[in-house]
Amino acid sequence: MSIQRFGVGPRMSKAVAHGNLVFLAGQVADKAKGQSVTEQTKDILGQIDAILKDAGTDKTKLISANIWLSDIKTFAEMNAVWDGWVSQGNTPARATVEAKLAAPEYTVEIAVIAAR
């Protein structure tokens, strides 16, 4: 079985597909860096949609999601965006935790695994 890599960089790939699974690296806000949790979450979910499309799948096939928040007090704010984006009836297994992220401008990071 072959391995496909998407968005290959010197340190990591944005996604790696093997068989019928697509593993996304943790995504952080590009355009909304330093903005609100709402804006960062919207930015990240848009990136996830694009990466999944490139890999031949979409959010209806999510298997799991890991979400890191720099402040767990923003859990409801992040969920307000997530709930409007996630495919109802196809919700993944999910974990959300508070963690120190790579830079103070980042308040949300999301990684997912999807089938294709």
N, C-alpha and C. Protein backbone atom coordinates (compact mmCIF):
# COMPACT_ATOMS: atom_id res chain seq x y z
N MET A 1 0.84 -1.18 0.00
CA MET A 1 0.00 0.00 0.00
C MET A 1 0.88 1.24 0.00
N SER A 2 0.54 2.16 -0.86
CA SER A 2 1.37 3.36 -0.97
C SER A 2 0.99 4.42 0.07
N ILE A 3 1.91 5.32 0.28
CA ILE A 3 1.70 6.45 1.18
C ILE A 3 1.70 7.71 0.33
N GLN A 4 0.69 8.56 0.50
CA GLN A 4 0.63 9.84 -0.20
C GLN A 4 0.80 10.94 0.83
N ARG A 5 1.55 11.96 0.45
CA ARG A 5 1.78 13.11 1.33
C ARG A 5 1.27 14.37 0.63
N PHE A 6 0.64 15.24 1.42
CA PHE A 6 0.07 16.48 0.91
C PHE A 6 0.65 17.65 1.69
N GLY A 7 1.02 18.71 0.97
CA GLY A 7 1.60 19.88 1.63
C GLY A 7 2.90 19.54 2.31
N VAL A 8 3.78 18.87 1.60
CA VAL A 8 5.05 18.41 2.18
C VAL A 8 5.97 19.60 2.46
N GLY A 9 6.48 19.65 3.67
CA GLY A 9 7.43 20.68 4.07
C GLY A 9 8.69 20.04 4.60
N PRO A 10 9.65 20.84 5.02
CA PRO A 10 10.91 20.29 5.51
C PRO A 10 10.78 19.58 6.86
N ARG A 11 9.75 19.93 7.64
CA ARG A 11 9.59 19.35 8.97
C ARG A 11 8.43 18.37 9.03
N MET A 12 7.37 18.65 8.26
CA MET A 12 6.18 17.80 8.32
C MET A 12 5.33 18.02 7.08
N SER A 13 4.37 17.12 6.88
CA SER A 13 3.39 17.25 5.82
C SER A 13 2.08 17.71 6.44
N LYS A 14 1.27 18.46 5.68
CA LYS A 14 -0.05 18.87 6.19
C LYS A 14 -0.96 17.67 6.37
N ALA A 15 -0.78 16.64 5.51
CA ALA A 15 -1.58 15.42 5.62
C ALA A 15 -0.81 14.25 5.01
N VAL A 16 -1.11 13.07 5.52
CA VAL A 16 -0.55 11.84 5.00
C VAL A 16 -1.69 10.84 4.86
N ALA A 17 -1.79 10.24 3.67
CA ALA A 17 -2.81 9.22 3.43
C ALA A 17 -2.15 7.87 3.27
N HIS A 18 -2.77 6.88 3.89
CA HIS A 18 -2.32 5.49 3.77
C HIS A 18 -3.56 4.63 3.72
N GLY A 19 -3.70 3.86 2.67
CA GLY A 19 -4.92 3.07 2.52
C GLY A 19 -6.13 3.99 2.42
N ASN A 20 -7.12 3.71 3.22
CA ASN A 20 -8.35 4.51 3.21
C ASN A 20 -8.39 5.54 4.33
N LEU A 21 -7.24 5.86 4.92
CA LEU A 21 -7.19 6.84 6.01
C LEU A 21 -6.35 8.04 5.63
N VAL A 22 -6.78 9.21 6.09
CA VAL A 22 -6.05 10.45 5.89
C VAL A 22 -5.81 11.07 7.26
N PHE A 23 -4.55 11.31 7.57
CA PHE A 23 -4.14 11.88 8.86
C PHE A 23 -3.68 13.31 8.64
N LEU A 24 -4.36 14.26 9.25
CA LEU A 24 -3.95 15.66 9.14
C LEU A 24 -3.09 16.05 10.33
N ALA A 25 -2.04 16.82 10.05
CA ALA A 25 -1.24 17.41 11.11
C ALA A 25 -2.09 18.44 11.83
N GLY A 26 -1.69 18.85 13.00
CA GLY A 26 -2.39 19.91 13.71
C GLY A 26 -2.37 21.19 12.88
N GLN A 27 -3.54 21.76 12.68
CA GLN A 27 -3.68 22.98 11.88
C GLN A 27 -3.88 24.17 12.82
N VAL A 28 -3.19 25.25 12.53
CA VAL A 28 -3.36 26.50 13.26
C VAL A 28 -3.78 27.57 12.27
N ALA A 29 -4.27 28.68 12.78
CA ALA A 29 -4.77 29.76 11.93
C ALA A 29 -3.65 30.36 11.09
N ASP A 30 -3.90 30.51 9.81
CA ASP A 30 -2.97 31.22 8.93
C ASP A 30 -3.41 32.67 8.80
N LYS A 31 -4.58 32.88 8.25
CA LYS A 31 -5.08 34.23 8.03
C LYS A 31 -5.53 34.91 9.32
N ALA A 32 -6.02 34.13 10.27
CA ALA A 32 -6.59 34.70 11.51
C ALA A 32 -5.62 34.64 12.69
N LYS A 33 -4.35 34.41 12.44
CA LYS A 33 -3.35 34.36 13.51
C LYS A 33 -3.46 35.62 14.36
N GLY A 34 -3.56 35.44 15.67
CA GLY A 34 -3.65 36.56 16.60
C GLY A 34 -5.05 37.11 16.78
N GLN A 35 -6.02 36.60 16.04
CA GLN A 35 -7.40 37.06 16.17
C GLN A 35 -8.15 36.21 17.20
N SER A 36 -9.45 36.40 17.30
CA SER A 36 -10.27 35.70 18.29
C SER A 36 -10.30 34.19 18.06
N VAL A 37 -10.71 33.46 19.07
CA VAL A 37 -10.88 32.01 18.96
C VAL A 37 -11.90 31.70 17.85
N THR A 38 -12.95 32.49 17.77
CA THR A 38 -13.95 32.29 16.71
C THR A 38 -13.30 32.38 15.34
N GLU A 39 -12.55 33.44 15.10
CA GLU A 39 -11.92 33.64 13.79
C GLU A 39 -10.86 32.58 13.50
N GLN A 40 -10.08 32.23 14.52
CA GLN A 40 -9.05 31.21 14.32
C GLN A 40 -9.70 29.86 14.01
N THR A 41 -10.77 29.52 14.71
CA THR A 41 -11.45 28.25 14.46
C THR A 41 -12.02 28.21 13.05
N LYS A 42 -12.65 29.29 12.60
CA LYS A 42 -13.18 29.35 11.23
C LYS A 42 -12.06 29.15 10.21
N ASP A 43 -10.93 29.82 10.42
CA ASP A 43 -9.78 29.72 9.53
C ASP A 43 -9.28 28.28 9.47
N ILE A 44 -9.12 27.66 10.62
CA ILE A 44 -8.60 26.29 10.69
C ILE A 44 -9.56 25.32 10.00
N LEU A 45 -10.84 25.44 10.26
CA LEU A 45 -11.80 24.52 9.66
C LEU A 45 -11.84 24.68 8.14
N GLY A 46 -11.65 25.89 7.66
CA GLY A 46 -11.54 26.10 6.22
C GLY A 46 -10.32 25.41 5.64
N GLN A 47 -9.21 25.48 6.36
CA GLN A 47 -7.99 24.78 5.93
C GLN A 47 -8.22 23.28 5.91
N ILE A 48 -8.89 22.76 6.95
CA ILE A 48 -9.16 21.33 7.02
C ILE A 48 -10.02 20.90 5.83
N ASP A 49 -11.05 21.67 5.51
CA ASP A 49 -11.88 21.36 4.33
C ASP A 49 -11.02 21.25 3.07
N ALA A 50 -10.12 22.21 2.86
CA ALA A 50 -9.29 22.23 1.66
C ALA A 50 -8.33 21.04 1.61
N ILE A 51 -7.71 20.73 2.74
CA ILE A 51 -6.75 19.61 2.79
C ILE A 51 -7.48 18.30 2.57
N LEU A 52 -8.63 18.12 3.21
CA LEU A 52 -9.40 16.89 3.01
C LEU A 52 -9.80 16.74 1.55
N LYS A 53 -10.21 17.83 0.92
CA LYS A 53 -10.59 17.78 -0.50
C LYS A 53 -9.40 17.33 -1.35
N ASP A 54 -8.23 17.92 -1.11
CA ASP A 54 -7.02 17.52 -1.84
C ASP A 54 -6.71 16.04 -1.67
N ALA A 55 -7.03 15.51 -0.50
CA ALA A 55 -6.74 14.10 -0.21
C ALA A 55 -7.87 13.16 -0.65
N GLY A 56 -8.92 13.73 -1.24
CA GLY A 56 -10.00 12.88 -1.77
C GLY A 56 -11.07 12.51 -0.77
N THR A 57 -11.29 13.36 0.22
CA THR A 57 -12.32 13.08 1.22
C THR A 57 -12.95 14.39 1.68
N ASP A 58 -13.77 14.32 2.72
CA ASP A 58 -14.39 15.53 3.26
C ASP A 58 -14.80 15.30 4.71
N LYS A 59 -15.36 16.34 5.33
CA LYS A 59 -15.68 16.30 6.76
C LYS A 59 -16.76 15.30 7.12
N THR A 60 -17.52 14.80 6.15
CA THR A 60 -18.53 13.78 6.45
C THR A 60 -17.90 12.44 6.79
N LYS A 61 -16.59 12.32 6.53
CA LYS A 61 -15.89 11.06 6.78
C LYS A 61 -14.88 11.16 7.92
N LEU A 62 -15.04 12.18 8.77
CA LEU A 62 -14.14 12.31 9.91
C LEU A 62 -14.29 11.13 10.85
N ILE A 63 -13.17 10.64 11.33
CA ILE A 63 -13.15 9.54 12.31
C ILE A 63 -12.85 10.09 13.69
N SER A 64 -11.84 10.94 13.78
CA SER A 64 -11.49 11.52 15.08
C SER A 64 -10.97 12.93 14.91
N ALA A 65 -11.04 13.67 16.00
CA ALA A 65 -10.52 15.04 16.04
C ALA A 65 -9.89 15.28 17.40
N ASN A 66 -8.75 15.95 17.38
CA ASN A 66 -8.10 16.42 18.60
C ASN A 66 -8.01 17.92 18.51
N ILE A 67 -8.47 18.60 19.57
CA ILE A 67 -8.48 20.05 19.59
C ILE A 67 -7.72 20.52 20.82
N TRP A 68 -6.80 21.45 20.59
CA TRP A 68 -6.04 22.05 21.67
C TRP A 68 -6.42 23.53 21.75
N LEU A 69 -6.73 23.99 22.95
CA LEU A 69 -7.05 25.39 23.20
C LEU A 69 -6.02 25.96 24.16
N SER A 70 -5.56 27.15 23.91
CA SER A 70 -4.59 27.75 24.83
C SER A 70 -5.25 28.15 26.14
N ASP A 71 -6.59 28.31 26.12
CA ASP A 71 -7.35 28.63 27.33
C ASP A 71 -8.68 27.89 27.26
N ILE A 72 -8.88 26.93 28.15
CA ILE A 72 -10.09 26.10 28.12
C ILE A 72 -11.35 26.94 28.35
N LYS A 73 -11.20 28.15 28.85
CA LYS A 73 -12.35 29.03 29.03
C LYS A 73 -12.98 29.41 27.69
N THR A 74 -12.27 29.19 26.58
CA THR A 74 -12.79 29.50 25.25
C THR A 74 -13.47 28.30 24.60
N PHE A 75 -13.69 27.25 25.38
CA PHE A 75 -14.30 26.01 24.88
C PHE A 75 -15.65 26.27 24.20
N ALA A 76 -16.52 27.03 24.83
CA ALA A 76 -17.85 27.31 24.25
C ALA A 76 -17.73 28.13 22.97
N GLU A 77 -16.80 29.08 22.95
CA GLU A 77 -16.60 29.91 21.76
C GLU A 77 -16.15 29.06 20.57
N MET A 78 -15.19 28.16 20.81
CA MET A 78 -14.72 27.27 19.76
C MET A 78 -15.85 26.35 19.32
N ASN A 79 -16.60 25.78 20.28
CA ASN A 79 -17.69 24.87 19.96
C ASN A 79 -18.79 25.53 19.13
N ALA A 80 -19.03 26.81 19.33
CA ALA A 80 -20.06 27.50 18.55
C ALA A 80 -19.71 27.45 17.06
N VAL A 81 -18.43 27.56 16.73
CA VAL A 81 -18.01 27.47 15.33
C VAL A 81 -18.00 26.01 14.89
N TRP A 82 -17.42 25.14 15.70
CA TRP A 82 -17.34 23.72 15.38
C TRP A 82 -18.73 23.15 15.10
N ASP A 83 -19.69 23.44 15.96
CA ASP A 83 -21.04 22.88 15.81
C ASP A 83 -21.71 23.30 14.51
N GLY A 84 -21.38 24.49 14.02
CA GLY A 84 -21.93 24.94 12.75
C GLY A 84 -21.22 24.34 11.54
N TRP A 85 -20.04 23.79 11.76
CA TRP A 85 -19.23 23.24 10.66
C TRP A 85 -19.34 21.72 10.56
N VAL A 86 -19.31 21.03 11.67
CA VAL A 86 -19.24 19.57 11.65
C VAL A 86 -20.52 19.00 11.03
N SER A 87 -20.37 17.90 10.31
CA SER A 87 -21.50 17.26 9.64
C SER A 87 -22.34 16.48 10.66
N GLN A 88 -23.53 16.99 10.96
CA GLN A 88 -24.40 16.32 11.94
C GLN A 88 -24.74 14.91 11.45
N GLY A 89 -24.70 13.97 12.38
CA GLY A 89 -24.89 12.56 12.03
C GLY A 89 -23.59 11.88 11.64
N ASN A 90 -22.55 12.66 11.42
CA ASN A 90 -21.23 12.13 11.05
C ASN A 90 -20.15 12.68 11.97
N THR A 91 -20.52 13.01 13.20
CA THR A 91 -19.56 13.61 14.12
C THR A 91 -18.48 12.61 14.51
N PRO A 92 -17.23 13.07 14.60
CA PRO A 92 -16.12 12.18 14.94
C PRO A 92 -16.01 11.97 16.45
N ALA A 93 -15.23 10.98 16.82
CA ALA A 93 -14.76 10.90 18.20
C ALA A 93 -13.87 12.12 18.39
N ARG A 94 -13.92 12.74 19.57
CA ARG A 94 -13.20 14.00 19.73
C ARG A 94 -12.67 14.17 21.14
N ALA A 95 -11.50 14.79 21.24
CA ALA A 95 -10.94 15.19 22.52
C ALA A 95 -10.56 16.66 22.42
N THR A 96 -10.80 17.40 23.49
CA THR A 96 -10.41 18.81 23.55
C THR A 96 -9.71 19.05 24.87
N VAL A 97 -8.52 19.65 24.80
CA VAL A 97 -7.75 19.91 26.01
C VAL A 97 -7.13 21.30 25.95
N GLU A 98 -6.74 21.77 27.11
CA GLU A 98 -5.99 23.03 27.20
C GLU A 98 -4.51 22.69 27.11
N ALA A 99 -3.79 23.46 26.29
CA ALA A 99 -2.36 23.23 26.14
C ALA A 99 -1.67 24.52 25.69
N LYS A 100 -0.41 24.64 26.03
CA LYS A 100 0.39 25.74 25.54
C LYS A 100 0.70 25.44 24.07
N LEU A 101 0.37 26.36 23.17
CA LEU A 101 0.59 26.14 21.74
C LEU A 101 1.93 26.72 21.31
N ALA A 102 2.27 26.52 20.04
CA ALA A 102 3.60 26.86 19.53
C ALA A 102 3.97 28.33 19.65
N ALA A 103 2.99 29.22 19.58
CA ALA A 103 3.24 30.66 19.70
C ALA A 103 2.04 31.30 20.38
N PRO A 104 2.25 32.38 21.11
CA PRO A 104 1.14 33.00 21.84
C PRO A 104 0.00 33.51 20.94
N GLU A 105 0.29 33.77 19.66
CA GLU A 105 -0.75 34.24 18.74
C GLU A 105 -1.75 33.15 18.38
N TYR A 106 -1.38 31.91 18.62
CA TYR A 106 -2.27 30.78 18.33
C TYR A 106 -3.08 30.42 19.57
N THR A 107 -4.39 30.33 19.41
CA THR A 107 -5.25 29.97 20.54
C THR A 107 -5.98 28.65 20.30
N VAL A 108 -5.93 28.15 19.08
CA VAL A 108 -6.61 26.91 18.71
C VAL A 108 -5.71 26.11 17.76
N GLU A 109 -5.70 24.80 17.96
CA GLU A 109 -5.05 23.89 17.01
C GLU A 109 -5.95 22.68 16.88
N ILE A 110 -6.13 22.21 15.64
CA ILE A 110 -7.03 21.08 15.41
C ILE A 110 -6.35 20.08 14.47
N ALA A 111 -6.39 18.80 14.83
CA ALA A 111 -5.91 17.71 13.99
C ALA A 111 -7.04 16.71 13.83
N VAL A 112 -7.20 16.18 12.62
CA VAL A 112 -8.25 15.20 12.37
C VAL A 112 -7.71 14.00 11.61
N ILE A 113 -8.45 12.92 11.69
CA ILE A 113 -8.24 11.73 10.89
C ILE A 113 -9.57 11.47 10.18
N ALA A 114 -9.49 11.15 8.86
CA ALA A 114 -10.70 10.89 8.08
C ALA A 114 -10.51 9.64 7.22
N ALA A 115 -11.62 9.04 6.89
CA ALA A 115 -11.63 7.95 5.92
C ALA A 115 -11.76 8.55 4.53
N ARG A 116 -11.43 7.78 3.52
CA ARG A 116 -11.72 8.24 2.15
C ARG A 116 -12.23 7.11 1.31
